[in-house]
Structure formats: structure tokens, C-alpha cells
Amino acid sequence: MTEIALAVGFTLFLWWFSTGVIIYLDGLPQRTFVTTMRWTTAVLVAALWGLVHTRDDVSVSGAYCAFTCALLVWAWQEVAFLLGMVTGPRREACPPQATGWRRAHLALQTVLYHEFALVVLALTVLACVGPGSNRVGVWTYALLWAMRQSAKLNIFLGVRNLGETLLPPHLAYLSSYFRRRAMNPLFPLSALLIGAATVFAWGPLLDTGMPATGEGVARVLLGTLLALGVLEHVLLVLPLPTDALWRWGLSSHRAKGAVAAPPR
């Protein structure tokens, strides 16, 4: 149980702390963005090296290292997007008259370069791990990607809690592509699939306990990540202030008087 608690706590802390740091950085004055991007890119290079270094390491430390490196790779694209450096060719609010496929097309234009970056980073992670036996980094990035795409689609189609208060002021126009409604037809399927994946990851551990091996630790790390994905999706339809988790990160936004545009 100690090993399980440690892996769960590690994942929760890394998820919460890294998110808060990114939120804080994207709310700082724009003159800091280039410096932030340089340091983040240096971290990206180190994370990719870590994936190469641990690709054949199936030990407990190898699982932790690959998991952390994949999260840092993911953090690079989060920072690049939220700083407004890798977004899309469209940087304007959605026209009020745009509906249906036109609205979808315009929304895609706002994140097109970001989507390409996700693909490039995925291929880079695969290249770094190669045929190695430690696949934790690949699975971590893949799960983050799948859950993020699901969240994006659900926010576009409409959910109760849009999280628009977490947007930095220079990306406030994105909230015009969000839709507020109690739920959308995709949401139950999304929640069901992520929930099923969570049960699949945790099932063997609950039946037999976690072996003190890299594979056992990897299952807990990935299972906790999936559980967080379920939580994030549930929060989309609950009228709860999700920004309360990162009030310390939002302090930089409040200092600038950031107010996101109201969603349609």
C-alpha cells in the first residue's frame, strides 16, 4: 500500500503543481514570454533525453522518470499554446452568426498549429523511446493527448463548467468558441471510455496488489492519470469553481486584471 500511495501522491502533486506553474507563467507580462519559452524548451530537450536514457529501464525509477519526462514534454506544448506562441492562424472571436460546421471550422483554425505541434511531439516521443521496453512515456503522452482531445470536443459542444477563468487575457477570444449547456451527447461516451480505461488500469492492482516492480508502478501512475481525466470530465458538468485548485497560479492573472470574454 505504501508503494501505491507514493505513486498516487506523486501523480497528483505533479499534475496539480505543474498546472499551477503553467497558469502562473501565462499570466505574467508578455515581455517575459520569450524567456519562459526558452527555459521551457530547455526542459523539453532534457525530458526527451530522459526518455531516450530510460527507454530500456523497466525498473521502478525508470517508470517514474519516463512518466515525469512525458509530462514535461506535454508541458512544453501547454506553455507554447497558453503563451499564444503556438495556437493557430485565427486569433479572433467567433462571429455570432457562425453555427454548425462553419463554427467548427473557425474553432479549428484557432488551434491548428497547436494540433500540429501535438502530432510532432507524439512522433518525437515515439522516436525517443523507439523499440525500448519501457513504454511508460509513450502511454503517458498518449493518454494525455486522448483525454485533452475529449475535453476540447466536449467544451466545444457544450458543458456546464467551461473553465474560461483559467484562460490568459491574450487568449480570451477562445471562450467565444465554447458553449455552455448542461451536457452534450458526446459527454457520456467520453466519461464511459475514460472510466473503463481507469478500471482496466487499476483492476489487476486491486485484485492482487501492486508488485514492487516498474510495471506495477507504471500501472499506478497511468491509472491515477486516467482517474484525474475522469475527474476533469466530471467537473465539466458540475457547477463547481475549478479555478479554486489553482488560485495561487491565477494570482498573476489577477495582477493584470485579466477577465476572459463571456462564452456564447
Protein backbone atom coordinates (compact mmCIF):
# COMPACT_ATOMS: atom_id res chain seq x y z
CA MET A 1 0.00 0.00 0.00
CA THR A 2 2.91 2.33 0.67
CA GLU A 3 4.12 1.97 -2.92
CA ILE A 4 0.63 2.68 -4.24
CA ALA A 5 0.18 5.73 -2.02
CA LEU A 6 3.57 7.08 -3.09
CA ALA A 7 2.83 6.69 -6.81
CA VAL A 8 -0.66 8.17 -6.45
CA GLY A 9 0.64 11.11 -4.41
CA PHE A 10 3.44 11.72 -6.89
CA THR A 11 1.00 11.86 -9.82
CA LEU A 12 -1.46 14.11 -8.00
CA PHE A 13 1.24 16.54 -6.93
CA LEU A 14 2.88 16.67 -10.36
CA TRP A 15 -0.48 17.27 -12.06
CA TRP A 16 -1.57 19.97 -9.60
CA PHE A 17 1.78 21.76 -9.28
CA SER A 18 2.73 21.76 -12.97
CA THR A 19 -0.72 23.05 -13.94
CA GLY A 20 -0.45 25.86 -11.41
CA VAL A 21 3.01 26.85 -12.61
CA ILE A 22 1.85 27.00 -16.23
CA ILE A 23 -1.20 29.09 -15.27
CA TYR A 24 1.05 31.47 -13.35
CA LEU A 25 3.54 31.81 -16.20
CA ASP A 26 0.93 32.56 -18.87
CA GLY A 27 -0.50 35.34 -16.73
CA LEU A 28 2.79 37.23 -16.42
CA PRO A 29 3.56 40.30 -18.58
CA GLN A 30 4.17 39.41 -22.22
CA ARG A 31 7.75 40.67 -22.03
CA THR A 32 8.52 37.53 -20.01
CA PHE A 33 7.16 35.10 -22.59
CA VAL A 34 10.31 34.70 -24.68
CA THR A 35 12.38 33.91 -21.58
CA THR A 36 9.72 31.47 -20.37
CA MET A 37 9.71 29.73 -23.75
CA ARG A 38 13.48 29.42 -23.79
CA TRP A 39 13.59 27.78 -20.37
CA THR A 40 10.64 25.55 -21.21
CA THR A 41 12.37 24.43 -24.40
CA ALA A 42 15.50 23.60 -22.40
CA VAL A 43 13.31 21.47 -20.11
CA LEU A 44 11.80 19.82 -23.21
CA VAL A 45 15.24 18.84 -24.50
CA ALA A 46 16.16 17.41 -21.10
CA ALA A 47 12.87 15.48 -20.95
CA LEU A 48 13.44 13.97 -24.41
CA TRP A 49 16.94 12.95 -23.36
CA GLY A 50 15.40 11.35 -20.27
CA LEU A 51 13.05 9.30 -22.44
CA VAL A 52 15.99 8.09 -24.52
CA HIS A 53 18.02 7.31 -21.41
CA THR A 54 15.25 5.24 -19.78
CA ARG A 55 13.78 3.51 -22.82
CA ASP A 56 15.17 0.13 -21.75
CA ASP A 57 14.91 0.77 -17.99
CA VAL A 58 11.96 -1.25 -16.64
CA SER A 59 12.80 -0.59 -13.00
CA VAL A 60 10.69 1.45 -10.58
CA SER A 61 12.92 4.51 -11.06
CA GLY A 62 12.69 4.05 -14.83
CA ALA A 63 8.88 4.18 -14.65
CA TYR A 64 8.91 7.35 -12.56
CA CYS A 65 11.49 9.01 -14.81
CA ALA A 66 9.72 8.18 -18.08
CA PHE A 67 6.37 9.29 -16.66
CA THR A 68 7.82 12.60 -15.48
CA CYS A 69 9.64 13.22 -18.76
CA ALA A 70 6.48 12.62 -20.78
CA LEU A 71 4.60 15.08 -18.58
CA LEU A 72 7.33 17.66 -19.15
CA VAL A 73 7.10 17.12 -22.91
CA TRP A 74 3.37 17.68 -22.62
CA ALA A 75 4.00 20.80 -20.53
CA TRP A 76 6.02 22.34 -23.38
CA GLN A 77 3.04 22.40 -25.73
CA GLU A 78 0.79 23.67 -22.93
CA VAL A 79 3.13 26.58 -22.32
CA ALA A 80 3.60 27.29 -26.03
CA PHE A 81 -0.18 27.34 -26.52
CA LEU A 82 -1.11 29.38 -23.46
CA LEU A 83 1.60 31.95 -24.15
CA GLY A 84 0.00 32.39 -27.56
CA MET A 85 3.12 31.30 -29.45
CA VAL A 86 1.73 28.08 -30.96
CA THR A 87 -2.00 28.47 -31.45
CA GLY A 88 -3.49 28.84 -34.92
CA PRO A 89 -3.89 31.24 -37.88
CA ARG A 90 -7.13 32.66 -36.47
CA ARG A 91 -6.87 34.91 -33.41
CA GLU A 92 -10.33 36.42 -33.37
CA ALA A 93 -13.56 35.73 -31.55
CA CYS A 94 -16.19 33.55 -33.17
CA PRO A 95 -18.71 35.60 -35.23
CA PRO A 96 -22.14 35.50 -33.56
CA GLN A 97 -23.76 34.19 -36.75
CA ALA A 98 -21.36 31.25 -37.15
CA THR A 99 -23.01 27.91 -36.44
CA GLY A 100 -22.62 24.24 -37.31
CA TRP A 101 -19.70 23.26 -39.50
CA ARG A 102 -18.62 26.87 -40.04
CA ARG A 103 -18.24 27.33 -36.29
CA ALA A 104 -16.28 24.07 -36.12
CA HIS A 105 -14.02 25.16 -38.98
CA LEU A 106 -13.30 28.52 -37.34
CA ALA A 107 -12.65 26.86 -34.00
CA LEU A 108 -10.13 24.50 -35.63
CA GLN A 109 -8.35 27.49 -37.17
CA THR A 110 -7.73 28.91 -33.70
CA VAL A 111 -5.78 25.80 -32.58
CA LEU A 112 -4.46 24.39 -35.86
CA TYR A 113 -0.75 24.96 -35.20
CA HIS A 114 -1.22 23.62 -31.69
CA GLU A 115 -2.73 20.41 -33.07
CA PHE A 116 0.21 20.00 -35.44
CA ALA A 117 2.59 20.50 -32.51
CA LEU A 118 0.84 17.72 -30.61
CA VAL A 119 1.41 15.35 -33.52
CA VAL A 120 5.07 16.33 -33.90
CA LEU A 121 5.70 15.86 -30.18
CA ALA A 122 3.94 12.48 -30.24
CA LEU A 123 6.19 11.31 -33.08
CA THR A 124 9.21 12.68 -31.22
CA VAL A 125 8.32 10.76 -28.06
CA LEU A 126 7.89 7.59 -30.13
CA ALA A 127 11.27 8.17 -31.78
CA CYS A 128 12.98 8.72 -28.43
CA VAL A 129 11.57 5.54 -26.92
CA GLY A 130 11.96 3.58 -30.16
CA PRO A 131 11.75 -0.20 -29.66
CA GLY A 132 12.67 0.18 -25.99
CA SER A 133 10.94 -1.95 -23.38
CA ASN A 134 9.96 0.99 -21.16
CA ARG A 135 6.77 2.29 -22.82
CA VAL A 136 5.59 4.42 -19.87
CA GLY A 137 6.48 7.68 -21.60
CA VAL A 138 4.59 6.73 -24.76
CA TRP A 139 1.49 5.70 -22.83
CA THR A 140 1.61 8.81 -20.65
CA TYR A 141 1.72 11.16 -23.64
CA ALA A 142 -0.95 9.15 -25.49
CA LEU A 143 -3.35 9.26 -22.53
CA LEU A 144 -2.82 12.98 -22.01
CA TRP A 145 -3.47 13.59 -25.71
CA ALA A 146 -6.63 11.47 -25.83
CA MET A 147 -8.11 13.00 -22.69
CA ARG A 148 -7.32 16.53 -23.82
CA GLN A 149 -8.95 16.00 -27.21
CA SER A 150 -12.03 14.64 -25.46
CA ALA A 151 -12.18 17.66 -23.15
CA LYS A 152 -11.79 20.06 -26.09
CA LEU A 153 -14.63 18.45 -28.02
CA ASN A 154 -16.91 18.46 -25.00
CA ILE A 155 -16.22 22.12 -24.27
CA PHE A 156 -16.88 22.97 -27.92
CA LEU A 157 -20.15 21.01 -27.96
CA GLY A 158 -21.22 22.41 -24.61
CA VAL A 159 -20.80 21.71 -20.91
CA ARG A 160 -21.77 23.49 -17.72
CA ASN A 161 -18.31 24.35 -16.40
CA LEU A 162 -16.11 25.77 -19.16
CA GLY A 163 -13.12 26.81 -17.05
CA GLU A 164 -12.81 30.05 -19.02
CA THR A 165 -11.40 31.82 -15.95
CA LEU A 166 -8.19 29.84 -16.46
CA LEU A 167 -7.56 31.43 -19.87
CA PRO A 168 -4.88 34.15 -20.00
CA PRO A 169 -6.12 37.54 -21.25
CA HIS A 170 -4.42 37.24 -24.66
CA LEU A 171 -6.42 34.07 -25.36
CA ALA A 172 -9.74 35.32 -24.03
CA TYR A 173 -11.18 35.20 -27.56
CA LEU A 174 -11.13 31.39 -27.38
CA SER A 175 -14.02 31.40 -24.92
CA SER A 176 -16.31 32.64 -27.71
CA TYR A 177 -15.98 29.18 -29.28
CA PHE A 178 -17.13 27.48 -26.08
CA ARG A 179 -20.75 26.61 -25.44
CA ARG A 180 -22.42 26.46 -22.06
CA ARG A 181 -25.08 23.81 -21.63
CA ALA A 182 -25.90 21.15 -19.06
CA MET A 183 -24.38 18.36 -21.17
CA ASN A 184 -23.84 17.22 -24.75
CA PRO A 185 -24.35 13.80 -26.41
CA LEU A 186 -20.60 13.10 -26.53
CA PHE A 187 -20.02 13.55 -22.80
CA PRO A 188 -21.46 10.24 -21.51
CA LEU A 189 -19.40 8.28 -24.05
CA SER A 190 -16.24 10.21 -23.16
CA ALA A 191 -16.71 9.65 -19.45
CA LEU A 192 -17.54 5.97 -20.00
CA LEU A 193 -14.44 5.28 -22.11
CA ILE A 194 -12.04 7.05 -19.74
CA GLY A 195 -13.72 5.36 -16.78
CA ALA A 196 -13.38 1.94 -18.41
CA ALA A 197 -9.70 2.59 -19.12
CA THR A 198 -9.22 3.57 -15.47
CA VAL A 199 -10.82 0.34 -14.27
CA PHE A 200 -8.65 -1.64 -16.72
CA ALA A 201 -5.51 0.01 -15.37
CA TRP A 202 -6.41 -0.45 -11.70
CA GLY A 203 -8.12 -3.85 -11.96
CA PRO A 204 -5.07 -6.13 -11.57
CA LEU A 205 -3.74 -3.98 -8.73
CA LEU A 206 -6.97 -4.19 -6.77
CA ASP A 207 -7.13 -7.96 -7.29
CA THR A 208 -3.58 -8.94 -6.43
CA GLY A 209 -1.94 -5.83 -5.03
CA MET A 210 0.90 -3.93 -6.63
CA PRO A 211 4.16 -5.76 -7.18
CA ALA A 212 7.22 -3.70 -6.31
CA THR A 213 8.27 -3.58 -9.96
CA GLY A 214 8.43 -0.96 -12.68
CA GLU A 215 5.34 -2.45 -14.31
CA GLY A 216 3.37 -2.17 -11.07
CA VAL A 217 4.40 1.44 -10.50
CA ALA A 218 3.62 2.26 -14.13
CA ARG A 219 0.08 0.89 -13.70
CA VAL A 220 -0.50 3.11 -10.68
CA LEU A 221 0.94 6.20 -12.36
CA LEU A 222 -1.12 5.72 -15.51
CA GLY A 223 -4.19 4.61 -13.57
CA THR A 224 -4.04 7.75 -11.43
CA LEU A 225 -3.61 9.88 -14.54
CA LEU A 226 -6.73 8.28 -16.02
CA ALA A 227 -8.63 8.84 -12.76
CA LEU A 228 -7.69 12.51 -12.97
CA GLY A 229 -9.07 12.50 -16.51
CA VAL A 230 -12.37 11.15 -15.18
CA LEU A 231 -12.35 13.87 -12.50
CA GLU A 232 -11.65 16.61 -15.04
CA HIS A 233 -14.53 15.40 -17.22
CA VAL A 234 -16.93 15.19 -14.28
CA LEU A 235 -16.00 18.74 -13.28
CA LEU A 236 -17.04 19.89 -16.76
CA VAL A 237 -20.69 19.21 -15.92
CA LEU A 238 -20.70 20.26 -12.26
CA PRO A 239 -21.25 23.88 -11.18
CA LEU A 240 -18.05 23.96 -9.14
CA PRO A 241 -15.28 26.61 -9.18
CA THR A 242 -12.45 24.51 -10.61
CA ASP A 243 -10.13 27.52 -10.54
CA ALA A 244 -10.10 27.20 -6.73
CA LEU A 245 -7.48 24.46 -7.14
CA TRP A 246 -5.02 26.93 -8.66
CA ARG A 247 -5.79 30.28 -7.03
CA TRP A 248 -2.09 30.72 -6.40
CA GLY A 249 -1.38 30.29 -10.11
CA LEU A 250 -4.13 32.73 -11.05
CA SER A 251 -2.52 35.46 -8.93
CA SER A 252 -0.56 36.61 -12.00
CA HIS A 253 -3.83 36.91 -13.95
CA ARG A 254 -5.48 38.99 -11.24
CA ALA A 255 -2.46 41.27 -11.14
CA LYS A 256 -3.11 42.10 -14.80
CA GLY A 257 -6.84 42.44 -14.28
CA ALA A 258 -7.47 39.56 -16.66
CA VAL A 259 -11.09 38.87 -17.45
CA ALA A 260 -11.97 36.31 -20.10
CA ALA A 261 -14.63 37.15 -22.64
CA PRO A 262 -18.01 35.67 -21.79
CA PRO A 263 -18.72 32.38 -23.60
CA ARG A 264 -21.52 32.05 -26.12
